[in-house]
PDB file of N, CA and C in Angstrom:
ATOM      1  N   UNK A   1       0.715  -1.109  -0.095  1.00  0.00           N
ATOM      2  CA  UNK A   1       0.001   0.097  -0.096  1.00  0.00           C
ATOM      3  C   UNK A   1       0.862   1.400  -0.147  1.00  0.00           C
ATOM      4  N   UNK A   2       0.713   2.244  -0.854  1.00  0.00           N
ATOM      5  CA  UNK A   2       1.318   3.294  -1.075  1.00  0.00           C
ATOM      6  C   UNK A   2       1.141   4.301   0.581  1.00  0.00           C
ATOM      7  N   UNK A   3       2.148   5.408   0.437  1.00  0.00           N
ATOM      8  CA  UNK A   3       1.950   6.345   1.539  1.00  0.00           C
ATOM      9  C   UNK A   3       0.716   7.203   1.367  1.00  0.00           C
ATOM     10  N   UNK A   4       0.393   7.402   0.153  1.00  0.00           N
ATOM     11  CA  UNK A   4      -0.831   8.419  -0.072  1.00  0.00           C
ATOM     12  C   UNK A   4      -2.170   7.621   0.625  1.00  0.00           C
ATOM     13  N   UNK A   5      -2.394   6.267   0.240  1.00  0.00           N
ATOM     14  CA  UNK A   5      -3.448   5.542   0.384  1.00  0.00           C
ATOM     15  C   UNK A   5      -3.419   5.423   2.206  1.00  0.00           C
ATOM     16  N   UNK A   6      -2.256   5.157   2.749  1.00  0.00           N
ATOM     17  CA  UNK A   6      -2.322   4.882   4.241  1.00  0.00           C
ATOM     18  C   UNK A   6      -2.910   6.272   4.821  1.00  0.00           C
ATOM     19  N   UNK A   7      -2.345   7.551   4.255  1.00  0.00           N
ATOM     20  CA  UNK A   7      -2.540   8.672   4.730  1.00  0.00           C
ATOM     21  C   UNK A   7      -4.047   8.956   4.696  1.00  0.00           C
ATOM     22  N   UNK A   8      -4.533   8.629   3.687  1.00  0.00           N
ATOM     23  CA  UNK A   8      -6.053   8.616   3.207  1.00  0.00           C
ATOM     24  C   UNK A   8      -7.116   7.957   4.018  1.00  0.00           C
ATOM     25  N   UNK A   9      -6.374   6.695   4.402  1.00  0.00           N
ATOM     26  CA  UNK A   9      -7.411   6.170   5.100  1.00  0.00           C
ATOM     27  C   UNK A   9      -7.290   6.358   6.822  1.00  0.00           C
ATOM     28  N   UNK A  10      -6.206   7.094   6.870  1.00  0.00           N
ATOM     29  CA  UNK A  10      -5.908   7.282   8.186  1.00  0.00           C
ATOM     30  C   UNK A  10      -6.656   8.749   8.640  1.00  0.00           C
ATOM     31  N   UNK A  11      -6.984   9.673   7.360  1.00  0.00           N
ATOM     32  CA  UNK A  11      -7.856  10.721   7.704  1.00  0.00           C
ATOM     33  C   UNK A  11      -9.109  10.517   7.590  1.00  0.00           C
ATOM     34  N   UNK A  12      -9.721   9.401   6.780  1.00  0.00           N
ATOM     35  CA  UNK A  12     -11.194   8.991   7.068  1.00  0.00           C
ATOM     36  C   UNK A  12     -11.423   8.507   8.475  1.00  0.00           C
ATOM     37  N   UNK A  13     -10.401   7.556   8.990  1.00  0.00           N
ATOM     38  CA  UNK A  13     -10.679   6.996  10.283  1.00  0.00           C
ATOM     39  C   UNK A  13     -10.847   8.260  11.399  1.00  0.00           C
ATOM     40  N   UNK A  14     -10.042   9.369  11.167  1.00  0.00           N
ATOM     41  CA  UNK A  14     -10.226  10.248  12.043  1.00  0.00           C
ATOM     42  C   UNK A  14     -11.237  11.236  11.994  1.00  0.00           C
ATOM     43  N   UNK A  15     -11.859  11.346  10.605  1.00  0.00           N
ATOM     44  CA  UNK A  15     -13.104  12.226  10.433  1.00  0.00           C
ATOM     45  C   UNK A  15     -14.145  11.593  11.065  1.00  0.00           C
ATOM     46  N   UNK A  16     -14.258  10.256  10.856  1.00  0.00           N
ATOM     47  CA  UNK A  16     -15.348   9.374  10.930  1.00  0.00           C
ATOM     48  C   UNK A  16     -15.630   9.525  12.352  1.00  0.00           C
ATOM     49  N   UNK A  17     -14.519   9.517  13.665  1.00  0.00           N
ATOM     50  CA  UNK A  17     -14.848   9.538  14.919  1.00  0.00           C
ATOM     51  C   UNK A  17     -15.442  10.915  15.474  1.00  0.00           C
ATOM     52  N   UNK A  18     -16.565  10.910  15.929  1.00  0.00           N
ATOM     53  CA  UNK A  18     -17.152  12.127  16.607  1.00  0.00           C
ATOM     54  C   UNK A  18     -16.055  12.717  17.772  1.00  0.00           C
ATOM     55  N   UNK A  19     -15.909  14.121  17.925  1.00  0.00           N
ATOM     56  CA  UNK A  19     -15.167  14.683  18.815  1.00  0.00           C
ATOM     57  C   UNK A  19     -16.022  14.803  20.051  1.00  0.00           C
ATOM     58  N   UNK A  20     -15.480  15.136  21.158  1.00  0.00           N
ATOM     59  CA  UNK A  20     -16.110  15.823  22.458  1.00  0.00           C
ATOM     60  C   UNK A  20     -17.111  16.715  21.949  1.00  0.00           C
ATOM     61  N   UNK A  21     -16.646  17.856  21.211  1.00  0.00           N
ATOM     62  CA  UNK A  21     -17.101  18.871  20.605  1.00  0.00           C
ATOM     63  C   UNK A  21     -18.370  18.847  20.032  1.00  0.00           C
ATOM     64  N   UNK A  22     -18.308  17.794  19.072  1.00  0.00           N
ATOM     65  CA  UNK A  22     -19.704  17.346  18.199  1.00  0.00           C
ATOM     66  C   UNK A  22     -20.702  16.687  18.876  1.00  0.00           C
ATOM     67  N   UNK A  23     -20.107  16.023  20.026  1.00  0.00           N
ATOM     68  CA  UNK A  23     -21.142  15.255  20.990  1.00  0.00           C
ATOM     69  C   UNK A  23     -21.921  16.074  21.978  1.00  0.00           C
ATOM     70  N   UNK A  24     -21.241  17.287  22.429  1.00  0.00           N
ATOM     71  CA  UNK A  24     -22.133  17.961  23.506  1.00  0.00           C
ATOM     72  C   UNK A  24     -22.445  19.212  22.728  1.00  0.00           C
ATOM     73  N   UNK A  25     -21.708  19.551  21.841  1.00  0.00           N
ATOM     74  CA  UNK A  25     -22.035  21.164  21.144  1.00  0.00           C
ATOM     75  C   UNK A  25     -21.709  22.297  21.998  1.00  0.00           C
ATOM     76  N   UNK A  26     -21.536  23.412  21.493  1.00  0.00           N
ATOM     77  CA  UNK A  26     -21.136  24.540  22.206  1.00  0.00           C
ATOM     78  C   UNK A  26     -22.075  24.791  23.537  1.00  0.00           C
ATOM     79  N   UNK A  27     -21.695  25.555  24.402  1.00  0.00           N
ATOM     80  CA  UNK A  27     -22.553  25.763  25.400  1.00  0.00           C
ATOM     81  C   UNK A  27     -22.126  27.032  26.105  1.00  0.00           C
ATOM     82  N   UNK A  28     -23.476  27.963  26.148  1.00  0.00           N
ATOM     83  CA  UNK A  28     -23.095  29.418  26.727  1.00  0.00           C
ATOM     84  C   UNK A  28     -24.255  29.712  27.607  1.00  0.00           C
ATOM     85  N   UNK A  29     -24.159  30.183  28.912  1.00  0.00           N
ATOM     86  CA  UNK A  29     -25.039  30.146  29.960  1.00  0.00           C
ATOM     87  C   UNK A  29     -25.678  31.491  30.130  1.00  0.00           C
ATOM     88  N   UNK A  30     -26.541  31.606  30.886  1.00  0.00           N
ATOM     89  CA  UNK A  30     -26.532  33.429  31.282  1.00  0.00           C
ATOM     90  C   UNK A  30     -25.465  33.454  32.363  1.00  0.00           C
ATOM     91  N   UNK A  31     -25.086  32.597  33.222  1.00  0.00           N
ATOM     92  CA  UNK A  31     -24.080  32.854  33.967  1.00  0.00           C
ATOM     93  C   UNK A  31     -22.482  33.328  33.239  1.00  0.00           C
ATOM     94  N   UNK A  32     -22.349  32.753  31.965  1.00  0.00           N
ATOM     95  CA  UNK A  32     -21.330  32.944  31.082  1.00  0.00           C
ATOM     96  C   UNK A  32     -21.514  34.728  30.680  1.00  0.00           C
ATOM     97  N   UNK A  33     -22.705  34.811  30.493  1.00  0.00           N
ATOM     98  CA  UNK A  33     -23.011  36.108  29.906  1.00  0.00           C
ATOM     99  C   UNK A  33     -22.775  37.232  30.858  1.00  0.00           C
ATOM    100  N   UNK A  34     -23.272  36.772  32.173  1.00  0.00           N
ATOM    101  CA  UNK A  34     -22.946  37.666  33.353  1.00  0.00           C
ATOM    102  C   UNK A  34     -21.535  38.017  33.504  1.00  0.00           C
ATOM    103  N   UNK A  35     -20.462  37.003  33.193  1.00  0.00           N
ATOM    104  CA  UNK A  35     -19.286  36.784  33.501  1.00  0.00           C
ATOM    105  C   UNK A  35     -18.596  37.857  32.657  1.00  0.00           C
ATOM    106  N   UNK A  36     -19.215  37.613  31.050  1.00  0.00           N
ATOM    107  CA  UNK A  36     -18.923  38.640  30.271  1.00  0.00           C
ATOM    108  C   UNK A  36     -19.001  40.039  30.407  1.00  0.00           C
ATOM    109  N   UNK A  37     -20.198  40.335  31.040  1.00  0.00           N
ATOM    110  CA  UNK A  37     -20.731  41.936  31.379  1.00  0.00           C
ATOM    111  C   UNK A  37     -19.448  42.225  32.490  1.00  0.00           C
ATOM    112  N   UNK A  38     -19.311  41.529  33.470  1.00  0.00           N
ATOM    113  CA  UNK A  38     -18.636  41.993  34.517  1.00  0.00           C
ATOM    114  C   UNK A  38     -17.037  41.984  33.831  1.00  0.00           C
ATOM    115  N   UNK A  39     -16.569  41.119  33.029  1.00  0.00           N
ATOM    116  CA  UNK A  39     -15.250  41.687  32.276  1.00  0.00           C
ATOM    117  C   UNK A  39     -15.046  42.834  31.478  1.00  0.00           C
ATOM    118  N   UNK A  40     -16.460  43.168  30.757  1.00  0.00           N
ATOM    119  CA  UNK A  40     -16.454  44.491  29.949  1.00  0.00           C
ATOM    120  C   UNK A  40     -16.166  45.704  31.280  1.00  0.00           C
ATOM    121  N   UNK A  41     -17.074  45.513  32.330  1.00  0.00           N
ATOM    122  CA  UNK A  41     -17.110  46.641  33.251  1.00  0.00           C
ATOM    123  C   UNK A  41     -15.620  46.646  33.759  1.00  0.00           C
ATOM    124  N   UNK A  42     -14.933  45.465  33.940  1.00  0.00           N
ATOM    125  CA  UNK A  42     -13.283  45.735  34.605  1.00  0.00           C
ATOM    126  C   UNK A  42     -12.509  46.171  33.543  1.00  0.00           C
ATOM    127  N   UNK A  43     -12.727  45.903  32.348  1.00  0.00           N
ATOM    128  CA  UNK A  43     -11.751  46.329  31.338  1.00  0.00           C
ATOM    129  C   UNK A  43     -12.068  47.554  31.094  1.00  0.00           C
ATOM    130  N   UNK A  44     -13.028  48.087  31.034  1.00  0.00           N
ATOM    131  CA  UNK A  44     -13.277  49.886  30.667  1.00  0.00           C
ATOM    132  C   UNK A  44     -12.875  50.269  31.882  1.00  0.00           C
ATOM    133  N   UNK A  45     -13.154  49.956  33.010  1.00  0.00           N
ATOM    134  CA  UNK A  45     -12.519  50.523  34.048  1.00  0.00           C
ATOM    135  C   UNK A  45     -11.081  50.949  34.204  1.00  0.00           C
ATOM    136  N   UNK A  46      -9.980  49.765  33.624  1.00  0.00           N
ATOM    137  CA  UNK A  46      -8.910  49.825  33.658  1.00  0.00           C
ATOM    138  C   UNK A  46      -8.145  50.390  32.363  1.00  0.00           C
ATOM    139  N   UNK A  47      -9.046  50.820  31.452  1.00  0.00           N
ATOM    140  CA  UNK A  47      -8.703  51.673  30.276  1.00  0.00           C
ATOM    141  C   UNK A  47      -8.032  50.686  29.243  1.00  0.00           C
ATOM    142  N   UNK A  48      -8.668  49.579  29.036  1.00  0.00           N
ATOM    143  CA  UNK A  48      -8.315  48.365  28.315  1.00  0.00           C
ATOM    144  C   UNK A  48      -8.934  48.819  26.707  1.00  0.00           C
ATOM    145  N   UNK A  49      -9.637  49.710  26.504  1.00  0.00           N
ATOM    146  CA  UNK A  49     -10.319  49.876  25.234  1.00  0.00           C
ATOM    147  C   UNK A  49      -9.623  51.475  24.896  1.00  0.00           C
ATOM    148  N   UNK A  50      -9.658  51.488  23.682  1.00  0.00           N
ATOM    149  CA  UNK A  50      -9.163  53.133  23.156  1.00  0.00           C
ATOM    150  C   UNK A  50     -10.589  54.087  22.803  1.00  0.00           C
ATOM    151  N   UNK A  51     -10.361  54.983  22.773  1.00  0.00           N
ATOM    152  CA  UNK A  51     -11.577  55.629  22.805  1.00  0.00           C
ATOM    153  C   UNK A  51     -12.415  55.592  21.399  1.00  0.00           C
ATOM    154  N   UNK A  52     -11.855  55.220  20.369  1.00  0.00           N
ATOM    155  CA  UNK A  52     -12.493  54.956  19.216  1.00  0.00           C
ATOM    156  C   UNK A  52     -13.275  53.624  19.318  1.00  0.00           C
ATOM    157  N   UNK A  53     -12.923  52.884  20.223  1.00  0.00           N
ATOM    158  CA  UNK A  53     -13.571  51.696  20.247  1.00  0.00           C
ATOM    159  C   UNK A  53     -14.663  51.416  21.576  1.00  0.00           C
ATOM    160  N   UNK A  54     -14.814  52.804  22.353  1.00  0.00           N
ATOM    161  CA  UNK A  54     -15.545  52.775  23.241  1.00  0.00           C
ATOM    162  C   UNK A  54     -17.204  52.745  22.900  1.00  0.00           C
ATOM    163  N   UNK A  55     -17.485  53.235  21.515  1.00  0.00           N
ATOM    164  CA  UNK A  55     -18.898  53.171  21.336  1.00  0.00           C
ATOM    165  C   UNK A  55     -19.194  51.851  20.860  1.00  0.00           C
ATOM    166  N   UNK A  56     -18.520  50.982  20.282  1.00  0.00           N
ATOM    167  CA  UNK A  56     -19.057  49.759  19.852  1.00  0.00           C
ATOM    168  C   UNK A  56     -19.005  48.862  21.258  1.00  0.00           C
ATOM    169  N   UNK A  57     -18.099  48.956  22.253  1.00  0.00           N
ATOM    170  CA  UNK A  57     -18.221  48.380  23.347  1.00  0.00           C
ATOM    171  C   UNK A  57     -19.452  48.606  24.112  1.00  0.00           C
ATOM    172  N   UNK A  58     -19.641  49.962  24.327  1.00  0.00           N
ATOM    173  CA  UNK A  58     -21.052  50.465  25.162  1.00  0.00           C
ATOM    174  C   UNK A  58     -22.047  49.804  24.536  1.00  0.00           C
ATOM    175  N   UNK A  59     -22.329  50.001  23.103  1.00  0.00           N
ATOM    176  CA  UNK A  59     -23.269  49.499  22.428  1.00  0.00           C
ATOM    177  C   UNK A  59     -23.469  47.929  22.658  1.00  0.00           C
ATOM    178  N   UNK A  60     -22.521  47.225  22.699  1.00  0.00           N
ATOM    179  CA  UNK A  60     -22.625  45.776  22.921  1.00  0.00           C
ATOM    180  C   UNK A  60     -23.023  45.377  24.361  1.00  0.00           C
ATOM    181  N   UNK A  61     -22.312  46.123  25.305  1.00  0.00           N
ATOM    182  CA  UNK A  61     -22.530  46.043  26.820  1.00  0.00           C
ATOM    183  C   UNK A  61     -23.974  46.440  26.877  1.00  0.00           C
ATOM    184  N   UNK A  62     -24.674  47.332  26.262  1.00  0.00           N
ATOM    185  CA  UNK A  62     -26.033  47.642  26.549  1.00  0.00           C
ATOM    186  C   UNK A  62     -27.223  46.622  25.848  1.00  0.00           C
ATOM    187  N   UNK A  63     -26.634  45.871  24.914  1.00  0.00           N
ATOM    188  CA  UNK A  63     -27.426  44.750  24.378  1.00  0.00           C
ATOM    189  C   UNK A  63     -27.486  43.814  25.338  1.00  0.00           C
ATOM    190  N   UNK A  64     -26.108  43.470  25.573  1.00  0.00           N
ATOM    191  CA  UNK A  64     -25.934  42.282  26.653  1.00  0.00           C
ATOM    192  C   UNK A  64     -26.753  42.551  28.133  1.00  0.00           C
ATOM    193  N   UNK A  65     -26.564  43.913  28.439  1.00  0.00           N
ATOM    194  CA  UNK A  65     -27.402  43.992  29.688  1.00  0.00           C
ATOM    195  C   UNK A  65     -28.934  44.106  29.445  1.00  0.00           C
ATOM    196  N   UNK A  66     -29.353  44.438  28.549  1.00  0.00           N
ATOM    197  CA  UNK A  66     -31.141  44.250  28.082  1.00  0.00           C
ATOM    198  C   UNK A  66     -31.214  42.885  28.015  1.00  0.00           C
ATOM    199  N   UNK A  67     -30.635  42.055  27.193  1.00  0.00           N
ATOM    200  CA  UNK A  67     -30.984  40.605  27.164  1.00  0.00           C
ATOM    201  C   UNK A  67     -30.726  40.211  28.565  1.00  0.00           C
ATOM    202  N   UNK A  68     -29.869  40.226  29.346  1.00  0.00           N
ATOM    203  CA  UNK A  68     -29.749  39.716  30.790  1.00  0.00           C
ATOM    204  C   UNK A  68     -30.878  40.235  31.645  1.00  0.00           C
ATOM    205  N   UNK A  69     -31.236  41.346  31.506  1.00  0.00           N
ATOM    206  CA  UNK A  69     -32.554  41.600  32.164  1.00  0.00           C
ATOM    207  C   UNK A  69     -33.984  41.255  32.014  1.00  0.00           C
ATOM    208  N   UNK A  70     -34.046  40.982  30.389  1.00  0.00           N
ATOM    209  CA  UNK A  70     -34.926  40.198  29.962  1.00  0.00           C
ATOM    210  C   UNK A  70     -35.022  38.853  30.383  1.00  0.00           C
ATOM    211  N   UNK A  71     -33.908  37.947  30.586  1.00  0.00           N
ATOM    212  CA  UNK A  71     -33.999  36.779  31.063  1.00  0.00           C
ATOM    213  C   UNK A  71     -34.288  36.889  32.239  1.00  0.00           C
ATOM    214  N   UNK A  72     -33.976  37.595  33.170  1.00  0.00           N
ATOM    215  CA  UNK A  72     -34.071  37.662  34.448  1.00  0.00           C
ATOM    216  C   UNK A  72     -35.628  37.994  34.785  1.00  0.00           C
ATOM    217  N   UNK A  73     -36.111  38.714  34.289  1.00  0.00           N
ATOM    218  CA  UNK A  73     -37.507  38.971  34.193  1.00  0.00           C
ATOM    219  C   UNK A  73     -38.296  37.822  33.920  1.00  0.00           C
ATOM    220  N   UNK A  74     -38.092  37.208  32.695  1.00  0.00           N
ATOM    221  CA  UNK A  74     -38.590  35.668  32.209  1.00  0.00           C
ATOM    222  C   UNK A  74     -38.549  35.012  33.274  1.00  0.00           C
ATOM    223  N   UNK A  75     -37.263  34.536  34.212  1.00  0.00           N
ATOM    224  CA  UNK A  75     -37.245  33.467  35.283  1.00  0.00           C
ATOM    225  C   UNK A  75     -38.051  33.947  36.447  1.00  0.00           C
ATOM    226  N   UNK A  76     -38.222  35.160  36.506  1.00  0.00           N
ATOM    227  CA  UNK A  76     -39.048  35.667  37.733  1.00  0.00           C
ATOM    228  C   UNK A  76     -40.373  35.228  37.514  1.00  0.00           C
ATOM    229  N   UNK A  77     -40.967  35.225  36.263  1.00  0.00           N
ATOM    230  CA  UNK A  77     -42.332  35.119  36.011  1.00  0.00           C
ATOM    231  C   UNK A  77     -42.564  33.727  35.864  1.00  0.00           C
ATOM    232  N   UNK A  78     -41.838  33.052  35.381  1.00  0.00           N
ATOM    233  CA  UNK A  78     -42.094  31.625  35.132  1.00  0.00           C
ATOM    234  C   UNK A  78     -41.998  30.688  36.354  1.00  0.00           C
ATOM    235  N   UNK A  79     -43.224  29.706  36.461  1.00  0.00           N
ATOM    236  CA  UNK A  79     -43.137  28.924  37.567  1.00  0.00           C
ATOM    237  C   UNK A  79     -41.849  28.229  38.145  1.00  0.00           C
ATOM    238  N   UNK A  80     -41.580  27.636  39.207  1.00  0.00           N
ATOM    239  CA  UNK A  80     -40.363  27.127  39.430  1.00  0.00           C
ATOM    240  C   UNK A  80     -40.060  25.605  39.075  1.00  0.00           C
ATOM    241  N   UNK A  81     -41.257  25.321  38.518  1.00  0.00           N
ATOM    242  CA  UNK A  81     -40.983  23.668  38.223  1.00  0.00           C
ATOM    243  C   UNK A  81     -40.729  23.503  36.635  1.00  0.00           C
ATOM    244  N   UNK A  82     -40.487  24.846  36.014  1.00  0.00           N
ATOM    245  CA  UNK A  82     -40.364  24.871  34.633  1.00  0.00           C
ATOM    246  C   UNK A  82     -38.698  25.294  34.495  1.00  0.00           C
TER     247      UNK A  82
END
C-alpha cells in the first residue's frame, strides 16, 4: 500500500470519529453572559479600550445588559417547576 493510501485511510478514520465538541455542542449560559458583562466592566475601568472603540463596546454592553434583564424577568415570571 502506498503512503498516500495509508494517509487517506488514516484521515478518513479520524474524520469518522466524533469529537467531544461534536457530541456535546457549544454551551453558553446566562452565567457566562454575566461573566462577560463583568469582564467588560473591569476592562473599561482599567482603560483597556481605545476611545474610538468605546462606542462599539458600550453598544454591545447595553445589548448584553438588556438581554440579561429580559432573561431575569422571564425567570421571575416562570413557575419554579419549569
